[in-house]
Protein backbone atom coordinates (compact mmCIF):
# COMPACT_ATOMS: atom_id res chain seq x y z
CA MET A 1 0.00 0.12 -0.06
CA ALA A 2 0.96 3.32 -0.92
CA PRO A 3 2.17 5.57 2.22
CA PRO A 4 -0.20 8.44 2.88
CA ILE A 5 -0.13 11.52 1.22
CA ALA A 6 0.61 13.24 4.61
CA ALA A 7 3.74 11.38 5.09
CA HIS A 8 5.02 12.48 1.55
CA LEU A 9 4.48 16.21 2.78
CA ALA A 10 6.23 15.84 5.97
CA VAL A 11 9.26 14.27 4.25
CA PHE A 12 9.36 17.06 1.82
CA THR A 13 8.80 19.56 4.57
CA LEU A 14 11.73 18.22 6.44
CA LEU A 15 14.05 17.96 3.36
CA VAL A 16 13.23 21.58 2.44
CA THR A 17 13.95 22.70 6.06
CA VAL A 18 17.34 20.70 5.99
CA SER A 19 18.04 22.25 2.41
CA ALA A 20 17.55 25.78 3.84
CA ALA A 21 19.36 25.28 6.88
CA ALA A 22 22.36 23.60 4.77
CA THR A 23 22.69 26.96 3.02
CA GLY A 24 23.30 29.28 5.81
CA TYR A 25 21.87 32.15 4.09
CA HIS A 26 18.63 34.03 5.59
CA ASN A 27 16.00 36.33 4.79
CA HIS A 28 15.42 38.96 7.55
CA THR A 29 11.89 40.90 7.41
CA VAL A 30 12.95 44.27 8.39
CA GLY A 31 10.67 45.39 11.80
CA GLY A 32 9.67 41.35 11.86
CA ALA A 33 6.07 41.20 11.90
CA ALA A 34 5.53 44.88 12.27
CA GLY A 35 7.03 45.46 8.82
CA GLY A 36 8.83 48.95 7.74
CA SER A 37 6.25 51.15 7.62
CA PHE A 38 5.78 54.76 8.94
CA ASP A 39 2.59 56.75 9.93
CA SER A 40 3.08 60.36 8.32
CA ALA A 41 0.06 61.51 10.60
CA THR A 42 1.61 60.74 13.85
CA ASN A 43 5.40 60.68 12.48
CA ALA A 44 5.55 57.48 14.25
CA THR A 45 7.39 54.09 12.85
CA ALA A 46 5.60 50.87 13.31
CA THR A 47 8.39 49.48 15.47
CA ASN A 48 11.56 49.98 17.02
CA TYR A 49 14.10 49.39 14.12
CA SER A 50 17.63 49.81 16.06
CA SER A 51 16.29 47.49 18.60
CA TRP A 52 14.96 45.02 15.92
CA ALA A 53 18.02 44.94 14.28
CA SER A 54 20.29 44.70 17.58
CA ASN A 55 18.52 41.08 17.76
CA GLN A 56 19.60 39.69 14.48
CA THR A 57 22.92 38.32 12.91
CA PHE A 58 23.45 39.23 9.58
CA ASP A 59 25.81 37.57 7.28
CA LEU A 60 27.07 38.21 3.53
CA GLY A 61 24.30 36.76 1.14
CA ASP A 62 21.71 37.20 3.77
CA TYR A 63 18.86 39.52 2.44
CA LEU A 64 16.97 42.34 4.13
CA ILE A 65 13.01 42.32 3.26
CA PHE A 66 11.38 45.55 3.25
CA ASN A 67 7.54 45.65 3.57
CA THR A 68 6.95 48.99 2.55
CA ASN A 69 4.14 51.55 2.25
CA SER A 70 3.80 54.31 -0.38
CA ASN A 71 5.39 57.25 1.42
CA GLN A 72 8.71 56.01 2.08
CA THR A 73 12.25 55.14 0.38
CA VAL A 74 15.04 52.49 1.20
CA VAL A 75 18.25 54.02 1.44
CA GLN A 76 21.08 51.47 1.80
CA THR A 77 24.68 53.04 2.74
CA TYR A 78 28.27 52.72 4.08
CA ASN A 79 28.48 56.34 4.73
CA LYS A 80 27.70 56.82 8.43
CA THR A 81 27.81 60.75 7.64
CA THR A 82 25.24 60.18 5.04
CA TYR A 83 23.45 57.98 7.68
CA LEU A 84 23.30 60.60 10.47
CA ASN A 85 22.61 63.32 8.52
CA CYS A 86 19.09 61.45 7.11
CA THR A 87 19.85 62.91 3.63
CA ALA A 88 20.94 60.47 0.60
CA ASP A 89 23.71 61.48 -1.40
CA GLU A 90 22.99 59.98 -4.82
CA THR A 91 26.22 60.84 -6.02
CA ASP A 92 27.99 58.77 -3.52
CA ASN A 93 29.16 55.62 -4.95
CA GLY A 94 28.55 53.86 -1.40
CA THR A 95 24.88 55.15 -1.37
CA PHE A 96 21.97 53.41 -3.03
CA VAL A 97 18.30 54.71 -3.06
CA ARG A 98 15.24 52.92 -3.82
CA ARG A 99 12.15 55.16 -4.49
CA PHE A 100 9.09 53.58 -5.58
CA GLY A 101 5.92 55.56 -4.60
CA GLU A 102 3.87 52.48 -4.01
CA ALA A 103 3.71 49.72 -1.60
CA LEU A 104 6.07 47.06 -2.21
CA THR A 105 8.12 44.27 -1.00
CA ILE A 106 11.77 45.26 -1.63
CA ALA A 107 14.78 42.49 -1.18
CA VAL A 108 18.29 44.07 -0.56
CA PRO A 109 21.01 41.47 -0.57
CA LEU A 110 24.00 42.19 1.92
CA THR A 111 27.18 42.40 -0.02
CA ILE A 112 29.70 44.01 1.97
CA VAL A 113 30.96 43.02 5.69
CA GLY A 114 31.07 45.79 8.19
CA PRO A 115 28.33 48.25 9.22
CA ASN A 116 25.63 48.84 6.57
CA TYR A 117 23.41 51.48 7.19
CA PHE A 118 19.64 51.79 6.22
CA PHE A 119 16.98 54.45 6.18
CA SER A 120 14.21 56.28 4.66
CA ASP A 121 14.87 59.80 3.30
CA ALA A 122 11.11 60.63 2.52
CA ALA A 123 9.39 63.76 3.57
CA ASP A 124 13.43 65.64 3.60
CA GLY A 125 14.79 63.09 6.16
CA VAL A 126 11.59 63.32 8.55
CA GLN A 127 10.90 59.69 8.56
CA CYS A 128 14.69 58.99 9.24
CA GLN A 129 14.76 61.60 12.20
CA HIS A 130 11.80 59.96 13.93
CA GLY A 131 13.06 56.23 13.61
CA LEU A 132 12.73 54.79 10.71
CA ALA A 133 16.55 54.10 10.38
CA PHE A 134 19.00 51.14 11.72
CA GLU A 135 22.63 50.14 11.36
CA ILE A 136 23.64 46.79 11.13
CA ASP A 137 27.09 44.79 11.40
CA VAL A 138 27.64 42.40 8.35
CA GLN A 139 29.71 39.20 9.36
CA ARG A 140 31.31 37.20 6.75
CA GLY A 141 29.51 33.98 7.44
CA LEU A 142 29.73 31.57 4.32
CA GLY A 143 30.56 34.17 2.11
CA LEU A 144 28.73 35.48 -0.82
CA PRO A 145 26.92 32.71 -2.96
CA PRO A 146 27.82 32.26 -6.42
CA SER A 147 24.54 34.42 -7.33
CA LEU A 148 25.97 37.41 -5.82
CA ASN A 149 29.70 36.96 -6.34
CA GLN A 150 29.76 37.90 -9.84
CA PRO A 151 32.58 40.10 -11.46
CA PRO A 152 31.41 43.41 -12.68
CA PRO A 153 30.32 44.10 -16.25
CA PRO A 154 32.66 45.63 -18.77
CA PRO A 155 33.01 49.53 -19.34
CA TYR A 156 30.60 50.44 -21.76
CA GLN A 157 31.99 51.22 -25.48
CA GLU A 158 30.37 53.18 -27.77
CA PRO A 159 28.96 51.28 -30.93
CA PRO A 160 30.50 51.83 -34.06
CA GLY A 161 28.65 54.14 -36.42
CA PRO A 162 26.62 52.62 -39.35
CA ASP A 163 29.56 53.74 -41.86
CA ALA A 164 32.11 52.08 -39.57
CA GLY A 165 32.07 49.18 -41.88
CA GLN A 166 31.89 50.75 -44.98
CA SER A 167 35.41 52.72 -45.57
CA PRO A 168 36.86 52.55 -48.93
CA PRO A 169 39.70 50.01 -49.45
CA VAL A 170 43.17 51.12 -49.03
CA ALA A 171 44.95 50.87 -52.29
CA VAL A 172 48.63 48.99 -51.92
CA ALA A 173 50.98 49.05 -54.63
CA GLN A 174 52.08 45.78 -55.83
CA SER A 175 55.65 44.88 -56.77
CA PRO A 176 56.21 43.74 -60.56
CA SER A 177 56.91 40.08 -60.07
CA GLY A 178 60.30 38.75 -61.33
CA SER A 179 58.54 37.15 -64.12
CA ALA A 180 57.16 40.55 -65.64
CA PHE A 181 60.94 41.48 -65.55
CA ALA A 182 61.97 38.44 -66.92
CA SER A 183 59.72 38.82 -70.33
CA ARG A 184 60.64 42.57 -70.77
CA ALA A 185 64.36 41.66 -70.93
CA ASP A 186 63.71 38.86 -73.47
CA VAL A 187 61.93 41.15 -75.68
CA ARG A 188 64.82 43.61 -75.93
CA VAL A 189 67.38 41.01 -76.50
CA ALA A 190 65.24 39.42 -79.52
CA VAL A 191 64.69 43.34 -80.64
CA TYR A 192 68.48 43.73 -80.65
CA GLY A 193 69.21 40.56 -81.92
CA PHE A 194 66.98 41.26 -85.21
CA ALA A 195 68.48 44.64 -85.53
CA ALA A 196 72.08 43.28 -85.60
CA ALA A 197 71.06 40.70 -88.14
CA LEU A 198 69.69 43.41 -90.30
CA LEU A 199 72.65 45.58 -90.39
CA VAL A 200 75.13 42.61 -91.28
CA LEU A 201 72.75 42.03 -94.42
CA LEU A 202 72.59 45.54 -95.67
CA GLN A 203 76.68 45.36 -95.48
CA PHE A 204 76.75 42.34 -98.06
CA GLN A 205 74.42 44.35 -100.36
C-alpha cells in the first residue's frame, strides 16, 4: 500500500528545512511582523528598528526584506555621515536609493562586510529623524553565494557608427614580379638581335 500523502508532505517539508539550513543564508524581514512602515500623521514608525536590528545576526548573502508603504524610500549606505544626516547623496558610489511611490516588498542583498546603514529619506529626512533608520554589522558567514559573487560588467563602449564598416579600401602598390621583368628583358634581346642581323645583311649588299 502506498504511504499516505501526509507522510510524503512531512518528508518533503523536512527535506526543504534541512536544505535551507544547509545553505546558511537567511531572509530578514525588517521590523519583523510590524514591517517597515511609517505613519505620516503621527510621525511614528511601526516599531523600533534599531532594537529589531540589534537582535539579529546578519551575514554575507543574507537579504533584508522591506515590506514598505507608498510614502517612504529605502536608502542603503556605507557612509555613516550620510546615515546620521538622514539625507541620501546619490552621487556617492556607496549609497543606493530606492524610490517607488507605492507599497512594495523590496529585497536587498547584503554584499559588504561591516557596518551597513539603512533609512528612509522621505519627507526631507523626517522619517529617518523619527526612527525609520537602523544600522547593522554584517559578518562574513559563509561568504557570498555564487549568485551574488559575479564580476562587474565590462565598461561601456560606444558602438560603431553605421558607416564604420563601409570605409573605402586602401590601395596597396604591388611590386612587379620577377617573371614580368624577365619577359621584358627577353623582348629587348630579341629586338636587338634582329637589328644586328639586319645591319649585317645590308653590309653585304
